[in-house]
Amino acid sequence: MAKFVKEYYGKILIPMLTPFREDGSVDYEKAAALAEFIINQKKGDSLVLAGSTGEFYAMRFDERVRLFETIKERVGNRIPIIPGVGAASTIETIQLAKKAEEIGFETVMIVAPYYTKPNQEELYRHFMQVATSVPVNILLYNIPIYTGVNIEPATLCRLAKQPNIVGIKEEAELNPKQITAFLNATPEEFVVYNGDDTMILEAYAQGGEKRIGGVVSGSSHIIGHLIRSMIEDFLAGKVQAAAEQQRKIYPFLKCLSQNNRTNGAPLLKEALRLYGFDAGYPRAPLIQGSPEEIENIRIAMVAVGVLKAG
């Protein structure tokens, strides 16, 4: 297991969409083509497979493994890849992590167990069992809006003592100040990634470039170049320019969750289709965008400058 180096993974980690066919089956060839598209467009620095944006919760174990194998084989070492191996049970999480390690991945991302709403001691033991069972670097993934449970700073403090638990992706919108609590609870080498595209500058303001690894950004399938320039401006001290850019992209970001859609994957697929790449369908229970939603997305994309009017 190689040492985790945040600079290797870069500042923009794209949680890649998983293309499904209309019948619900995984379109692995289209997934490989999407990975190629992201690389060629230079939108991000790394890929995260089978995350929330990738609809992992709707995929079988074997489908996730095949996705990992397909993208690894197609992409090789042209871009760093982090597979998402989280599951509702500890045993399945360990099994997926072992498969990822066998395929050749050095770092995995693990979401907190969902549905069971474990308490903090149960969370701690879950992550520790995985970390001590598989020789890979682990990025924890905290998204209470989906899992129903928050990884508390005190629990993260305990977990960060495990050498191969190297960082956390924090979905910051519901509790933006928790990033500071996480930073204060962990050693200097522990990395925090922001998981909310609307909170990128706020995260850097709390941790700076040294402690904030970057953003895990679904919208970067399309606007990664804008997010990169925004981050670069902010870190260079051009705060006003960065703030203006964040305000500019905000309507597009919010458009992906219109009509109370908690998961923006279906509308991100619609946006990507407008942008020129067909990323397939969402898998039920998620549904495609309506004509009205798609028109709202088109208007937002024109406004942000990634689509021509008309």
C-alpha atoms as a PDB file:
ATOM      1  CA  MET A   1       0.000   0.000   0.000  1.00  0.00           C
ATOM      2  CA  ALA A   2       1.492   3.304  -1.123  1.00  0.00           C
ATOM      3  CA  LYS A   3       1.343   6.318   1.164  1.00  0.00           C
ATOM      4  CA  PHE A   4      -1.626   8.597   0.484  1.00  0.00           C
ATOM      5  CA  VAL A   5      -0.508  11.852  -1.141  1.00  0.00           C
ATOM      6  CA  LYS A   6      -3.300  14.366  -1.679  1.00  0.00           C
ATOM      7  CA  GLU A   7      -1.380  16.168  -4.410  1.00  0.00           C
ATOM      8  CA  TYR A   8      -1.504  12.960  -6.492  1.00  0.00           C
ATOM      9  CA  TYR A   9      -5.315  12.996  -6.479  1.00  0.00           C
ATOM     10  CA  GLY A  10      -5.547  16.738  -7.135  1.00  0.00           C
ATOM     11  CA  LYS A  11      -8.136  19.263  -6.064  1.00  0.00           C
ATOM     12  CA  ILE A  12     -11.106  18.177  -8.195  1.00  0.00           C
ATOM     13  CA  LEU A  13     -12.331  14.628  -7.698  1.00  0.00           C
ATOM     14  CA  ILE A  14     -15.240  13.774  -9.989  1.00  0.00           C
ATOM     15  CA  PRO A  15     -17.759  11.238  -8.649  1.00  0.00           C
ATOM     16  CA  MET A  16     -18.464   9.666 -12.009  1.00  0.00           C
ATOM     17  CA  LEU A  17     -21.992   9.002 -13.169  1.00  0.00           C
ATOM     18  CA  THR A  18     -22.856   5.363 -13.815  1.00  0.00           C
ATOM     19  CA  PRO A  19     -24.628   5.018 -17.179  1.00  0.00           C
ATOM     20  CA  PHE A  20     -27.614   2.674 -17.209  1.00  0.00           C
ATOM     21  CA  ARG A  21     -29.606   1.512 -20.216  1.00  0.00           C
ATOM     22  CA  GLU A  22     -33.339   2.106 -20.500  1.00  0.00           C
ATOM     23  CA  ASP A  23     -33.950  -1.444 -19.241  1.00  0.00           C
ATOM     24  CA  GLY A  24     -31.931  -0.668 -16.093  1.00  0.00           C
ATOM     25  CA  SER A  25     -28.805  -2.668 -16.950  1.00  0.00           C
ATOM     26  CA  VAL A  26     -25.360  -1.128 -16.484  1.00  0.00           C
ATOM     27  CA  ASP A  27     -23.814   0.153 -19.713  1.00  0.00           C
ATOM     28  CA  TYR A  28     -20.164  -0.621 -19.001  1.00  0.00           C
ATOM     29  CA  GLU A  29     -18.923   0.470 -22.426  1.00  0.00           C
ATOM     30  CA  LYS A  30     -20.609   3.838 -21.991  1.00  0.00           C
ATOM     31  CA  ALA A  31     -19.074   4.090 -18.512  1.00  0.00           C
ATOM     32  CA  ALA A  32     -15.622   3.556 -20.000  1.00  0.00           C
ATOM     33  CA  ALA A  33     -16.380   6.143 -22.674  1.00  0.00           C
ATOM     34  CA  LEU A  34     -17.478   8.609 -19.989  1.00  0.00           C
ATOM     35  CA  ALA A  35     -14.191   8.136 -18.151  1.00  0.00           C
ATOM     36  CA  GLU A  36     -12.376   8.853 -21.429  1.00  0.00           C
ATOM     37  CA  PHE A  37     -14.557  11.925 -21.980  1.00  0.00           C
ATOM     38  CA  ILE A  38     -13.710  13.325 -18.541  1.00  0.00           C
ATOM     39  CA  ILE A  39     -10.001  12.743 -19.108  1.00  0.00           C
ATOM     40  CA  ASN A  40     -10.034  14.326 -22.565  1.00  0.00           C
ATOM     41  CA  GLN A  41     -12.072  17.319 -21.385  1.00  0.00           C
ATOM     42  CA  LYS A  42      -9.625  17.847 -18.486  1.00  0.00           C
ATOM     43  CA  LYS A  43     -12.474  18.611 -16.099  1.00  0.00           C
ATOM     44  CA  GLY A  44     -11.046  16.892 -13.031  1.00  0.00           C
ATOM     45  CA  ASP A  45      -7.944  15.416 -11.443  1.00  0.00           C
ATOM     46  CA  SER A  46      -9.348  12.078 -10.213  1.00  0.00           C
ATOM     47  CA  LEU A  47     -12.379   9.845 -10.589  1.00  0.00           C
ATOM     48  CA  VAL A  48     -14.511   8.424  -7.792  1.00  0.00           C
ATOM     49  CA  LEU A  49     -16.468   5.358  -8.890  1.00  0.00           C
ATOM     50  CA  ALA A  50     -19.756   4.115  -7.447  1.00  0.00           C
ATOM     51  CA  GLY A  51     -20.416   7.085  -5.212  1.00  0.00           C
ATOM     52  CA  SER A  52     -23.762   8.740  -4.542  1.00  0.00           C
ATOM     53  CA  THR A  53     -23.654  10.437  -7.952  1.00  0.00           C
ATOM     54  CA  GLY A  54     -22.810   7.020  -9.395  1.00  0.00           C
ATOM     55  CA  GLU A  55     -25.965   5.520  -7.822  1.00  0.00           C
ATOM     56  CA  PHE A  56     -23.991   2.847  -5.965  1.00  0.00           C
ATOM     57  CA  TYR A  57     -26.897   2.073  -3.633  1.00  0.00           C
ATOM     58  CA  ALA A  58     -28.887   0.767  -6.614  1.00  0.00           C
ATOM     59  CA  MET A  59     -26.072  -1.502  -7.845  1.00  0.00           C
ATOM     60  CA  ARG A  60     -25.360  -5.131  -7.009  1.00  0.00           C
ATOM     61  CA  PHE A  61     -22.002  -6.227  -5.608  1.00  0.00           C
ATOM     62  CA  ASP A  62     -20.963  -7.858  -8.900  1.00  0.00           C
ATOM     63  CA  GLU A  63     -21.950  -4.772 -10.897  1.00  0.00           C
ATOM     64  CA  ARG A  64     -19.764  -2.535  -8.786  1.00  0.00           C
ATOM     65  CA  VAL A  65     -16.820  -4.907  -9.110  1.00  0.00           C
ATOM     66  CA  ARG A  66     -17.227  -5.090 -12.878  1.00  0.00           C
ATOM     67  CA  LEU A  67     -17.430  -1.289 -13.047  1.00  0.00           C
ATOM     68  CA  PHE A  68     -14.161  -1.036 -11.102  1.00  0.00           C
ATOM     69  CA  GLU A  69     -12.504  -3.553 -13.432  1.00  0.00           C
ATOM     70  CA  THR A  70     -13.844  -1.903 -16.591  1.00  0.00           C
ATOM     71  CA  ILE A  71     -12.692   1.609 -15.743  1.00  0.00           C
ATOM     72  CA  LYS A  72      -9.328   0.467 -14.399  1.00  0.00           C
ATOM     73  CA  GLU A  73      -8.674  -1.517 -17.576  1.00  0.00           C
ATOM     74  CA  ARG A  74      -9.703   1.339 -19.878  1.00  0.00           C
ATOM     75  CA  VAL A  75      -8.076   4.209 -18.009  1.00  0.00           C
ATOM     76  CA  GLY A  76      -4.963   2.555 -16.624  1.00  0.00           C
ATOM     77  CA  ASN A  77      -2.833   5.147 -14.850  1.00  0.00           C
ATOM     78  CA  ARG A  78      -3.917   8.169 -16.881  1.00  0.00           C
ATOM     79  CA  ILE A  79      -6.006   9.499 -14.003  1.00  0.00           C
ATOM     80  CA  PRO A  80      -6.171   8.445 -10.334  1.00  0.00           C
ATOM     81  CA  ILE A  81      -9.264   6.414  -9.452  1.00  0.00           C
ATOM     82  CA  ILE A  82     -10.917   5.935  -6.067  1.00  0.00           C
ATOM     83  CA  PRO A  83     -13.637   3.263  -5.939  1.00  0.00           C
ATOM     84  CA  GLY A  84     -16.521   3.689  -3.533  1.00  0.00           C
ATOM     85  CA  VAL A  85     -16.880   0.472  -1.539  1.00  0.00           C
ATOM     86  CA  GLY A  86     -19.321   1.484   1.185  1.00  0.00           C
ATOM     87  CA  ALA A  87     -22.288  -0.760   1.942  1.00  0.00           C
ATOM     88  CA  ALA A  88     -24.973  -1.136   4.581  1.00  0.00           C
ATOM     89  CA  SER A  89     -23.102  -4.014   6.220  1.00  0.00           C
ATOM     90  CA  THR A  90     -19.535  -4.257   7.452  1.00  0.00           C
ATOM     91  CA  ILE A  91     -18.952  -7.642   5.829  1.00  0.00           C
ATOM     92  CA  GLU A  92     -19.953  -6.436   2.356  1.00  0.00           C
ATOM     93  CA  THR A  93     -17.855  -3.294   2.751  1.00  0.00           C
ATOM     94  CA  ILE A  94     -14.823  -5.440   3.581  1.00  0.00           C
ATOM     95  CA  GLN A  95     -15.500  -7.751   0.637  1.00  0.00           C
ATOM     96  CA  LEU A  96     -15.778  -4.820  -1.775  1.00  0.00           C
ATOM     97  CA  ALA A  97     -12.634  -3.208  -0.384  1.00  0.00           C
ATOM     98  CA  LYS A  98     -10.748  -6.478  -0.862  1.00  0.00           C
ATOM     99  CA  LYS A  99     -11.955  -6.694  -4.457  1.00  0.00           C
ATOM    100  CA  ALA A 100     -10.824  -3.117  -5.067  1.00  0.00           C
ATOM    101  CA  GLU A 101      -7.401  -3.908  -3.630  1.00  0.00           C
ATOM    102  CA  GLU A 102      -7.135  -7.024  -5.820  1.00  0.00           C
ATOM    103  CA  ILE A 103      -7.964  -4.967  -8.924  1.00  0.00           C
ATOM    104  CA  GLY A 104      -5.104  -2.622  -8.075  1.00  0.00           C
ATOM    105  CA  PHE A 105      -6.589   0.376  -6.293  1.00  0.00           C
ATOM    106  CA  GLU A 106      -4.602   1.929  -3.450  1.00  0.00           C
ATOM    107  CA  THR A 107      -7.328   4.170  -2.003  1.00  0.00           C
ATOM    108  CA  VAL A 108     -11.045   3.539  -1.456  1.00  0.00           C
ATOM    109  CA  MET A 109     -13.913   5.702  -0.237  1.00  0.00           C
ATOM    110  CA  ILE A 110     -16.301   4.329   2.384  1.00  0.00           C
ATOM    111  CA  VAL A 111     -19.632   5.918   3.213  1.00  0.00           C
ATOM    112  CA  ALA A 112     -21.044   5.490   6.697  1.00  0.00           C
ATOM    113  CA  PRO A 113     -23.471   2.546   6.895  1.00  0.00           C
ATOM    114  CA  TYR A 114     -26.969   3.565   5.918  1.00  0.00           C
ATOM    115  CA  TYR A 115     -30.468   2.493   6.994  1.00  0.00           C
ATOM    116  CA  THR A 116     -29.393   1.030  10.368  1.00  0.00           C
ATOM    117  CA  LYS A 117     -28.368   4.440  11.783  1.00  0.00           C
ATOM    118  CA  PRO A 118     -25.505   3.058  13.917  1.00  0.00           C
ATOM    119  CA  ASN A 119     -24.421   4.914  17.033  1.00  0.00           C
ATOM    120  CA  GLN A 120     -20.927   6.387  17.308  1.00  0.00           C
ATOM    121  CA  GLU A 121     -19.322   3.292  18.822  1.00  0.00           C
ATOM    122  CA  GLU A 122     -20.850   1.122  16.118  1.00  0.00           C
ATOM    123  CA  LEU A 123     -19.594   3.544  13.465  1.00  0.00           C
ATOM    124  CA  TYR A 124     -16.117   3.443  14.951  1.00  0.00           C
ATOM    125  CA  ARG A 125     -16.008  -0.347  15.033  1.00  0.00           C
ATOM    126  CA  HIS A 126     -17.380  -0.598  11.492  1.00  0.00           C
ATOM    127  CA  PHE A 127     -14.666   1.584   9.992  1.00  0.00           C
ATOM    128  CA  MET A 128     -11.944   0.018  12.118  1.00  0.00           C
ATOM    129  CA  GLN A 129     -12.919  -3.496  11.047  1.00  0.00           C
ATOM    130  CA  VAL A 130     -12.591  -2.457   7.419  1.00  0.00           C
ATOM    131  CA  ALA A 131      -9.334  -0.570   7.966  1.00  0.00           C
ATOM    132  CA  THR A 132      -7.683  -3.482   9.758  1.00  0.00           C
ATOM    133  CA  SER A 133      -8.916  -6.041   7.220  1.00  0.00           C
ATOM    134  CA  VAL A 134      -7.723  -4.506   3.949  1.00  0.00           C
ATOM    135  CA  PRO A 135      -4.334  -2.857   3.203  1.00  0.00           C
ATOM    136  CA  VAL A 136      -5.661   0.199   1.362  1.00  0.00           C
ATOM    137  CA  ASN A 137      -5.878   3.893   2.151  1.00  0.00           C
ATOM    138  CA  ILE A 138      -9.365   4.835   3.302  1.00  0.00           C
ATOM    139  CA  LEU A 139     -11.271   8.059   2.775  1.00  0.00           C
ATOM    140  CA  LEU A 140     -14.342   8.152   4.975  1.00  0.00           C
ATOM    141  CA  TYR A 141     -17.526   9.630   3.532  1.00  0.00           C
ATOM    142  CA  ASN A 142     -19.884  11.556   5.797  1.00  0.00           C
ATOM    143  CA  ILE A 143     -23.288  12.357   4.297  1.00  0.00           C
ATOM    144  CA  PRO A 144     -25.909  12.336   7.063  1.00  0.00           C
ATOM    145  CA  ILE A 145     -28.717  13.417   4.727  1.00  0.00           C
ATOM    146  CA  TYR A 146     -28.455   9.963   3.099  1.00  0.00           C
ATOM    147  CA  THR A 147     -27.191   7.745   5.908  1.00  0.00           C
ATOM    148  CA  GLY A 148     -29.172   9.191   8.800  1.00  0.00           C
ATOM    149  CA  VAL A 149     -26.068   9.314  10.986  1.00  0.00           C
ATOM    150  CA  ASN A 150     -23.280  11.867  11.396  1.00  0.00           C
ATOM    151  CA  ILE A 151     -19.654  10.925  11.997  1.00  0.00           C
ATOM    152  CA  GLU A 152     -19.029  13.101  15.035  1.00  0.00           C
ATOM    153  CA  PRO A 153     -15.690  14.935  15.448  1.00  0.00           C
ATOM    154  CA  ALA A 154     -14.837  12.868  18.542  1.00  0.00           C
ATOM    155  CA  THR A 155     -15.345   9.660  16.562  1.00  0.00           C
ATOM    156  CA  LEU A 156     -13.259  10.990  13.693  1.00  0.00           C
ATOM    157  CA  CYS A 157     -10.518  11.836  16.186  1.00  0.00           C
ATOM    158  CA  ARG A 158     -10.368   8.171  17.198  1.00  0.00           C
ATOM    159  CA  LEU A 159     -10.505   6.901  13.622  1.00  0.00           C
ATOM    160  CA  ALA A 160      -7.760   9.254  12.427  1.00  0.00           C
ATOM    161  CA  LYS A 161      -5.306   7.420  14.681  1.00  0.00           C
ATOM    162  CA  GLN A 162      -5.574   4.391  12.385  1.00  0.00           C
ATOM    163  CA  PRO A 163      -2.689   4.831   9.882  1.00  0.00           C
ATOM    164  CA  ASN A 164      -4.620   3.886   6.745  1.00  0.00           C
ATOM    165  CA  ILE A 165      -7.635   6.086   7.504  1.00  0.00           C
ATOM    166  CA  VAL A 166      -6.217   9.141   5.781  1.00  0.00           C
ATOM    167  CA  GLY A 167      -9.095  11.553   5.196  1.00  0.00           C
ATOM    168  CA  ILE A 168     -12.800  12.241   4.992  1.00  0.00           C
ATOM    169  CA  LYS A 169     -15.247  13.578   2.442  1.00  0.00           C
ATOM    170  CA  GLU A 170     -17.642  15.861   4.276  1.00  0.00           C
ATOM    171  CA  GLU A 171     -21.004  16.807   2.806  1.00  0.00           C
ATOM    172  CA  ALA A 172     -20.879  20.275   4.285  1.00  0.00           C
ATOM    173  CA  GLU A 173     -24.134  22.032   3.435  1.00  0.00           C
ATOM    174  CA  LEU A 174     -26.181  20.926   6.449  1.00  0.00           C
ATOM    175  CA  ASN A 175     -23.417  21.739   8.943  1.00  0.00           C
ATOM    176  CA  PRO A 176     -20.807  23.946   7.264  1.00  0.00           C
ATOM    177  CA  LYS A 177     -18.851  24.600  10.462  1.00  0.00           C
ATOM    178  CA  GLN A 178     -18.259  20.893  11.093  1.00  0.00           C
ATOM    179  CA  ILE A 179     -15.258  21.003   8.770  1.00  0.00           C
ATOM    180  CA  THR A 180     -13.481  23.181  11.327  1.00  0.00           C
ATOM    181  CA  ALA A 181     -14.374  20.711  14.072  1.00  0.00           C
ATOM    182  CA  PHE A 182     -13.001  17.875  11.940  1.00  0.00           C
ATOM    183  CA  LEU A 183      -9.777  19.782  11.304  1.00  0.00           C
ATOM    184  CA  ASN A 184      -9.336  20.490  15.007  1.00  0.00           C
ATOM    185  CA  ALA A 185      -9.959  16.829  15.865  1.00  0.00           C
ATOM    186  CA  THR A 186      -7.418  15.336  13.463  1.00  0.00           C
ATOM    187  CA  PRO A 187      -3.660  15.548  12.841  1.00  0.00           C
ATOM    188  CA  GLU A 188      -2.157  17.900  10.265  1.00  0.00           C
ATOM    189  CA  GLU A 189      -1.657  15.157   7.672  1.00  0.00           C
ATOM    190  CA  PHE A 190      -5.321  14.114   7.794  1.00  0.00           C
ATOM    191  CA  VAL A 191      -7.112  15.448   4.704  1.00  0.00           C
ATOM    192  CA  VAL A 192     -10.652  16.823   4.498  1.00  0.00           C
ATOM    193  CA  TYR A 193     -12.468  16.909   1.160  1.00  0.00           C
ATOM    194  CA  ASN A 194     -15.543  19.043   0.704  1.00  0.00           C
ATOM    195  CA  GLY A 195     -18.431  17.162  -0.880  1.00  0.00           C
ATOM    196  CA  ASP A 196     -20.730  20.097  -1.586  1.00  0.00           C
ATOM    197  CA  ASP A 197     -20.212  22.073  -4.782  1.00  0.00           C
ATOM    198  CA  THR A 198     -21.959  25.107  -3.269  1.00  0.00           C
ATOM    199  CA  MET A 199     -19.507  25.277  -0.325  1.00  0.00           C
ATOM    200  CA  ILE A 200     -16.107  25.092  -2.017  1.00  0.00           C
ATOM    201  CA  LEU A 201     -14.739  28.456  -0.923  1.00  0.00           C
ATOM    202  CA  GLU A 202     -16.174  28.087   2.583  1.00  0.00           C
ATOM    203  CA  ALA A 203     -14.256  24.829   2.989  1.00  0.00           C
ATOM    204  CA  TYR A 204     -10.970  26.368   1.861  1.00  0.00           C
ATOM    205  CA  ALA A 205     -11.568  29.333   4.168  1.00  0.00           C
ATOM    206  CA  GLN A 206     -11.737  26.922   7.098  1.00  0.00           C
ATOM    207  CA  GLY A 207      -8.779  24.696   6.276  1.00  0.00           C
ATOM    208  CA  GLY A 208      -6.659  26.326   3.610  1.00  0.00           C
ATOM    209  CA  GLU A 209      -4.775  24.445   0.943  1.00  0.00           C
ATOM    210  CA  LYS A 210      -2.743  22.503   3.500  1.00  0.00           C
ATOM    211  CA  ARG A 211      -5.679  20.711   5.138  1.00  0.00           C
ATOM    212  CA  ILE A 212      -8.392  20.800   2.471  1.00  0.00           C
ATOM    213  CA  GLY A 213      -7.702  18.246  -0.238  1.00  0.00           C
ATOM    214  CA  GLY A 214     -10.222  19.759  -2.610  1.00  0.00           C
ATOM    215  CA  VAL A 215     -13.780  19.048  -3.666  1.00  0.00           C
ATOM    216  CA  VAL A 216     -15.590  15.884  -4.716  1.00  0.00           C
ATOM    217  CA  SER A 217     -17.676  17.562  -7.374  1.00  0.00           C
ATOM    218  CA  GLY A 218     -20.375  15.999  -9.527  1.00  0.00           C
ATOM    219  CA  SER A 219     -20.977  19.208 -11.448  1.00  0.00           C
ATOM    220  CA  SER A 220     -17.347  19.105 -12.565  1.00  0.00           C
ATOM    221  CA  HIS A 221     -18.407  16.645 -15.267  1.00  0.00           C
ATOM    222  CA  ILE A 222     -19.378  19.903 -16.991  1.00  0.00           C
ATOM    223  CA  ILE A 223     -18.039  22.942 -15.109  1.00  0.00           C
ATOM    224  CA  GLY A 224     -14.806  21.528 -13.701  1.00  0.00           C
ATOM    225  CA  HIS A 225     -12.789  24.163 -15.536  1.00  0.00           C
ATOM    226  CA  LEU A 226     -14.820  26.919 -13.867  1.00  0.00           C
ATOM    227  CA  ILE A 227     -14.440  25.354 -10.440  1.00  0.00           C
ATOM    228  CA  ARG A 228     -10.697  24.971 -10.973  1.00  0.00           C
ATOM    229  CA  SER A 229     -10.247  28.639 -11.867  1.00  0.00           C
ATOM    230  CA  MET A 230     -12.391  29.620  -8.874  1.00  0.00           C
ATOM    231  CA  ILE A 231     -10.208  27.584  -6.511  1.00  0.00           C
ATOM    232  CA  GLU A 232      -7.016  28.927  -8.067  1.00  0.00           C
ATOM    233  CA  ASP A 233      -8.230  32.509  -7.703  1.00  0.00           C
ATOM    234  CA  PHE A 234      -9.176  31.986  -4.071  1.00  0.00           C
ATOM    235  CA  LEU A 235      -5.866  30.364  -3.147  1.00  0.00           C
ATOM    236  CA  ALA A 236      -3.996  33.145  -4.975  1.00  0.00           C
ATOM    237  CA  GLY A 237      -5.734  35.744  -2.832  1.00  0.00           C
ATOM    238  CA  LYS A 238      -8.170  36.874  -5.526  1.00  0.00           C
ATOM    239  CA  VAL A 239     -11.088  36.452  -3.177  1.00  0.00           C
ATOM    240  CA  GLN A 240     -13.460  38.819  -4.974  1.00  0.00           C
ATOM    241  CA  ALA A 241     -12.985  37.078  -8.319  1.00  0.00           C
ATOM    242  CA  ALA A 242     -13.494  33.677  -6.709  1.00  0.00           C
ATOM    243  CA  ALA A 243     -16.620  34.846  -4.896  1.00  0.00           C
ATOM    244  CA  GLU A 244     -18.076  36.207  -8.122  1.00  0.00           C
ATOM    245  CA  GLN A 245     -17.416  32.888  -9.847  1.00  0.00           C
ATOM    246  CA  GLN A 246     -19.084  30.961  -7.034  1.00  0.00           C
ATOM    247  CA  ARG A 247     -22.166  33.148  -7.324  1.00  0.00           C
ATOM    248  CA  LYS A 248     -22.165  32.663 -11.098  1.00  0.00           C
ATOM    249  CA  ILE A 249     -22.187  28.855 -10.952  1.00  0.00           C
ATOM    250  CA  TYR A 250     -24.633  28.646  -8.035  1.00  0.00           C
ATOM    251  CA  PRO A 251     -27.874  28.711 -10.117  1.00  0.00           C
ATOM    252  CA  PHE A 252     -26.617  25.805 -12.232  1.00  0.00           C
ATOM    253  CA  LEU A 253     -25.732  23.810  -9.121  1.00  0.00           C
ATOM    254  CA  LYS A 254     -29.146  24.380  -7.560  1.00  0.00           C
ATOM    255  CA  CYS A 255     -30.843  23.499 -10.837  1.00  0.00           C
ATOM    256  CA  LEU A 256     -29.557  19.928 -10.471  1.00  0.00           C
ATOM    257  CA  SER A 257     -31.672  19.474  -7.347  1.00  0.00           C
ATOM    258  CA  GLN A 258     -34.854  21.204  -8.531  1.00  0.00           C
ATOM    259  CA  ASN A 259     -38.227  19.755  -7.514  1.00  0.00           C
ATOM    260  CA  ASN A 260     -36.749  18.481  -4.246  1.00  0.00           C
ATOM    261  CA  ARG A 261     -34.520  15.915  -5.929  1.00  0.00           C
ATOM    262  CA  THR A 262     -32.124  14.815  -3.206  1.00  0.00           C
ATOM    263  CA  ASN A 263     -29.808  13.062  -5.658  1.00  0.00           C
ATOM    264  CA  GLY A 264     -28.815  15.199  -8.618  1.00  0.00           C
ATOM    265  CA  ALA A 265     -27.596  12.294 -10.772  1.00  0.00           C
ATOM    266  CA  PRO A 266     -30.630  12.162 -13.104  1.00  0.00           C
ATOM    267  CA  LEU A 267     -30.504  15.878 -13.881  1.00  0.00           C
ATOM    268  CA  LEU A 268     -26.714  15.837 -14.148  1.00  0.00           C
ATOM    269  CA  LYS A 269     -27.155  13.165 -16.815  1.00  0.00           C
ATOM    270  CA  GLU A 270     -29.611  15.455 -18.599  1.00  0.00           C
ATOM    271  CA  ALA A 271     -27.119  18.327 -18.372  1.00  0.00           C
ATOM    272  CA  LEU A 272     -24.310  16.159 -19.697  1.00  0.00           C
ATOM    273  CA  ARG A 273     -26.524  15.090 -22.602  1.00  0.00           C
ATOM    274  CA  LEU A 274     -27.077  18.759 -23.467  1.00  0.00           C
ATOM    275  CA  TYR A 275     -23.324  19.266 -23.165  1.00  0.00           C
ATOM    276  CA  GLY A 276     -22.656  16.573 -25.755  1.00  0.00           C
ATOM    277  CA  PHE A 277     -22.249  13.245 -23.963  1.00  0.00           C
ATOM    278  CA  ASP A 278     -25.055  10.737 -23.467  1.00  0.00           C
ATOM    279  CA  ALA A 279     -24.519   9.250 -19.992  1.00  0.00           C
ATOM    280  CA  GLY A 280     -27.573   7.032 -20.189  1.00  0.00           C
ATOM    281  CA  TYR A 281     -30.488   6.738 -17.811  1.00  0.00           C
ATOM    282  CA  PRO A 282     -30.790   6.783 -14.021  1.00  0.00           C
ATOM    283  CA  ARG A 283     -31.732   3.517 -12.340  1.00  0.00           C
ATOM    284  CA  ALA A 284     -35.077   3.217 -10.581  1.00  0.00           C
ATOM    285  CA  PRO A 285     -36.319   4.516  -8.273  1.00  0.00           C
ATOM    286  CA  LEU A 286     -34.732   7.661  -9.740  1.00  0.00           C
ATOM    287  CA  ILE A 287     -36.321   8.973 -12.923  1.00  0.00           C
ATOM    288  CA  GLN A 288     -35.289  11.074 -15.902  1.00  0.00           C
ATOM    289  CA  GLY A 289     -35.741  14.800 -16.024  1.00  0.00           C
ATOM    290  CA  SER A 290     -39.031  16.264 -17.188  1.00  0.00           C
ATOM    291  CA  PRO A 291     -39.144  18.635 -20.190  1.00  0.00           C
ATOM    292  CA  GLU A 292     -39.554  21.547 -17.776  1.00  0.00           C
ATOM    293  CA  GLU A 293     -36.563  20.457 -15.678  1.00  0.00           C
ATOM    294  CA  ILE A 294     -34.417  19.989 -18.774  1.00  0.00           C
ATOM    295  CA  GLU A 295     -35.346  23.444 -20.046  1.00  0.00           C
ATOM    296  CA  ASN A 296     -34.378  24.951 -16.684  1.00  0.00           C
ATOM    297  CA  ILE A 297     -31.036  23.168 -16.919  1.00  0.00           C
ATOM    298  CA  ARG A 298     -30.488  24.423 -20.460  1.00  0.00           C
ATOM    299  CA  ILE A 299     -31.136  28.008 -19.368  1.00  0.00           C
ATOM    300  CA  ALA A 300     -28.732  27.628 -16.425  1.00  0.00           C
ATOM    301  CA  MET A 301     -26.035  26.146 -18.662  1.00  0.00           C
ATOM    302  CA  VAL A 302     -26.342  29.033 -21.103  1.00  0.00           C
ATOM    303  CA  ALA A 303     -26.085  31.495 -18.223  1.00  0.00           C
ATOM    304  CA  VAL A 304     -22.918  29.902 -16.884  1.00  0.00           C
ATOM    305  CA  GLY A 305     -21.362  29.841 -20.349  1.00  0.00           C
ATOM    306  CA  VAL A 306     -21.094  26.117 -21.083  1.00  0.00           C
ATOM    307  CA  LEU A 307     -23.890  25.990 -23.662  1.00  0.00           C
ATOM    308  CA  LYS A 308     -24.766  28.301 -26.528  1.00  0.00           C
ATOM    309  CA  ALA A 309     -28.159  29.961 -26.557  1.00  0.00           C
ATOM    310  CA  GLY A 310     -30.744  28.798 -29.053  1.00  0.00           C
END
